[in-house]
Structure formats: C-alpha cells, structure tokens
Amino acid sequence: MNLWRVIRTIDIRDASLVLLSGVAFILWAPWNSARSVPEAELLYERQFPEEWRAVVSSHGTFRNHPWGVPDDRPVAYAVLTSLVFGPVAFIFISGVVAGYRRADKSAPRSDA
C-alpha cells in the first residue's frame, strides 16, 4: 500500500477527529492510572502529601492528579473516555460503511 495514497484519502473531518481523540487521550491516560492516596501509600510504601487528591506514577516519578481517581467524577470520566474512543470508532465505522457502498456500486449487476 502506498502511504501517499492513504494520506491523500484522509479528509479534514477525519484529521480533526484524530486530533480530538489524541488530545483527549493525553488527558485520559494519566487519569485512568490514578490511584487514591491511601492505595498508593500501600502499593509504593511511601508517604504522599495530604493535599494530594490522587497519585499518578510515571517511570518512578509521582505526581498529584487534581481530578482525583475516576470514581470521584464518573460522568466526567465517561465523557472523556467517549472522546478518546468515540472519534476513532466513528472513523472506522464510517470507513467500513463507505467501503461497502463503493463495493455495491462497483459490483456487476445481473438483470436476470
């Protein structure tokens, strides 16, 4: 498959949906791995500041996650999750449907 042919077939809608999904993923990934402070203290065997809402560990570095754990804000987490996976699913499903439509038009018709 020629990469340039694939790039030319991507329209602005698909590109903007991929961008939206990518930005949402940057916000979603750390929140998805956030642990409550008591759970993180047991797991990592260390103390964290009292004002922290949740702990995110990344390559041995710990930081506070201001939104807490996903269970603290389930509606916001569900919306962000749908912004991560929804656009990708839409692009895939619309591509499959468009492929079927093209295949139907190019299929030979039998007038029997």
Protein backbone atom coordinates (compact mmCIF):
# COMPACT_ATOMS: atom_id res chain seq x y z
CA MET A 1 0.00 0.00 0.00
CA ASN A 2 1.33 3.36 -0.98
CA LEU A 3 1.48 5.69 2.04
CA TRP A 4 0.91 8.79 -0.09
CA ARG A 5 -2.39 7.34 -1.40
CA VAL A 6 -3.53 6.78 2.18
CA ILE A 7 -2.56 10.32 3.23
CA ARG A 8 -4.43 11.83 0.26
CA THR A 9 -7.63 9.98 1.20
CA ILE A 10 -7.70 11.43 4.74
CA ASP A 11 -10.10 14.35 4.81
CA ILE A 12 -10.23 17.24 7.27
CA ARG A 13 -13.04 15.63 9.28
CA ASP A 14 -11.01 12.51 9.95
CA ALA A 15 -7.89 14.50 10.77
CA SER A 16 -9.76 16.71 13.23
CA LEU A 17 -11.37 13.67 14.88
CA VAL A 18 -7.97 12.01 15.28
CA LEU A 19 -6.61 15.24 16.77
CA LEU A 20 -9.55 15.43 19.20
CA SER A 21 -9.03 11.82 20.20
CA GLY A 22 -5.30 12.39 20.69
CA VAL A 23 -5.78 15.42 22.93
CA ALA A 24 -8.41 13.57 24.94
CA PHE A 25 -6.04 10.59 25.29
CA ILE A 26 -3.32 12.85 26.72
CA LEU A 27 -5.77 13.87 29.46
CA TRP A 28 -7.37 10.44 29.86
CA ALA A 29 -4.30 8.19 30.18
CA PRO A 30 -2.89 9.58 33.45
CA TRP A 31 -6.36 9.87 34.96
CA ASN A 32 -7.05 6.25 34.04
CA SER A 33 -3.97 5.15 36.01
CA ALA A 34 -4.53 7.44 39.01
CA ARG A 35 -4.69 5.75 42.41
CA SER A 36 -6.15 7.06 45.62
CA VAL A 37 -3.58 8.32 48.11
CA PRO A 38 -4.16 5.53 50.69
CA GLU A 39 -3.94 2.88 47.96
CA ALA A 40 -0.75 4.43 46.54
CA GLU A 41 0.83 4.61 50.01
CA LEU A 42 0.23 0.89 50.49
CA LEU A 43 1.39 -0.01 46.99
CA TYR A 44 4.51 2.15 46.83
CA GLU A 45 5.34 2.03 50.57
CA ARG A 46 5.88 5.76 50.92
CA GLN A 47 4.01 8.83 52.16
CA PHE A 48 2.40 11.44 49.93
CA PRO A 49 1.33 14.98 50.84
CA GLU A 50 -2.09 15.29 52.48
CA GLU A 51 -3.39 17.79 49.92
CA TRP A 52 -2.98 15.35 47.03
CA ARG A 53 -6.25 14.00 45.62
CA ALA A 54 -4.74 11.08 43.70
CA VAL A 55 -1.32 9.74 42.79
CA VAL A 56 -0.09 9.16 39.26
CA SER A 57 3.12 7.19 38.86
CA SER A 58 5.12 7.56 35.68
CA HIS A 59 8.52 5.89 35.39
CA GLY A 60 9.22 6.22 39.11
CA THR A 61 8.05 9.81 39.32
CA PHE A 62 4.98 10.53 41.42
CA ARG A 63 2.68 13.49 40.97
CA ASN A 64 -0.67 14.71 42.14
CA HIS A 65 -3.65 14.28 39.86
CA PRO A 66 -6.03 17.16 40.57
CA TRP A 67 -9.15 15.36 39.32
CA GLY A 68 -8.73 12.50 41.78
CA VAL A 69 -9.48 8.94 40.71
CA PRO A 70 -12.05 8.15 38.01
CA ASP A 71 -14.57 7.03 40.65
CA ASP A 72 -14.58 10.57 42.08
CA ARG A 73 -16.05 12.01 38.86
CA PRO A 74 -17.67 9.16 36.90
CA VAL A 75 -19.62 11.36 34.48
CA ALA A 76 -16.57 13.41 33.51
CA TYR A 77 -14.53 10.22 33.15
CA ALA A 78 -17.20 8.67 30.92
CA VAL A 79 -17.32 11.79 28.73
CA LEU A 80 -13.54 11.88 28.40
CA THR A 81 -13.44 8.15 27.63
CA SER A 82 -16.02 8.63 24.89
CA LEU A 83 -13.91 11.47 23.46
CA VAL A 84 -10.94 9.10 23.31
CA PHE A 85 -12.63 6.12 21.69
CA GLY A 86 -15.70 7.64 20.01
CA PRO A 87 -13.96 9.51 17.18
CA VAL A 88 -11.79 6.50 16.34
CA ALA A 89 -14.83 4.24 16.29
CA PHE A 90 -16.70 6.75 14.10
CA ILE A 91 -13.84 6.92 11.59
CA PHE A 92 -13.58 3.13 11.46
CA ILE A 93 -17.34 2.52 11.14
CA SER A 94 -17.86 5.28 8.56
CA GLY A 95 -14.91 3.90 6.57
CA VAL A 96 -16.36 0.41 6.61
CA VAL A 97 -19.79 1.69 5.57
CA ALA A 98 -18.26 3.82 2.79
CA GLY A 99 -16.30 0.78 1.60
CA TYR A 100 -19.46 -1.28 1.42
CA ARG A 101 -21.23 1.48 -0.50
CA ARG A 102 -18.37 1.65 -3.01
CA ALA A 103 -18.35 -2.12 -3.34
CA ASP A 104 -22.10 -2.16 -4.01
CA LYS A 105 -21.77 0.39 -6.80
CA SER A 106 -18.92 -1.42 -8.48
CA ALA A 107 -20.44 -4.90 -8.22
CA PRO A 108 -21.71 -6.31 -11.50
CA ARG A 109 -25.49 -6.38 -11.74
CA SER A 110 -27.32 -9.36 -13.06
CA ASP A 111 -30.57 -8.46 -14.75
CA ALA A 112 -31.95 -11.97 -14.76
